[in-house]
């Protein structure tokens, strides 16, 4: 695997912390989320585009949403501990 500079795997040492941070913050694959297109289930992650891939309930549409636009499903939000 080569980066833009042509060197073998050189950039991975710089990208690894970004991948770790994304995985720590992103909803897990299989979790239910709410998107601008409706509620659905996370089926994949796209770290380079900082997005999650969601299959929308009802329509079965697969959409890629920026991580910032994806929220836990309403039930999970409402059942969270209140301060």
Foldseek 3Di string as FASTA:
>chain_A
DADPVRDPCPCVVVCVVLVVVLVVLADDAQAWKAAPVGIFGFHAADSVQCWTWTQHPPVRDIDTDHRVRIGHPPVVVVPDDDD
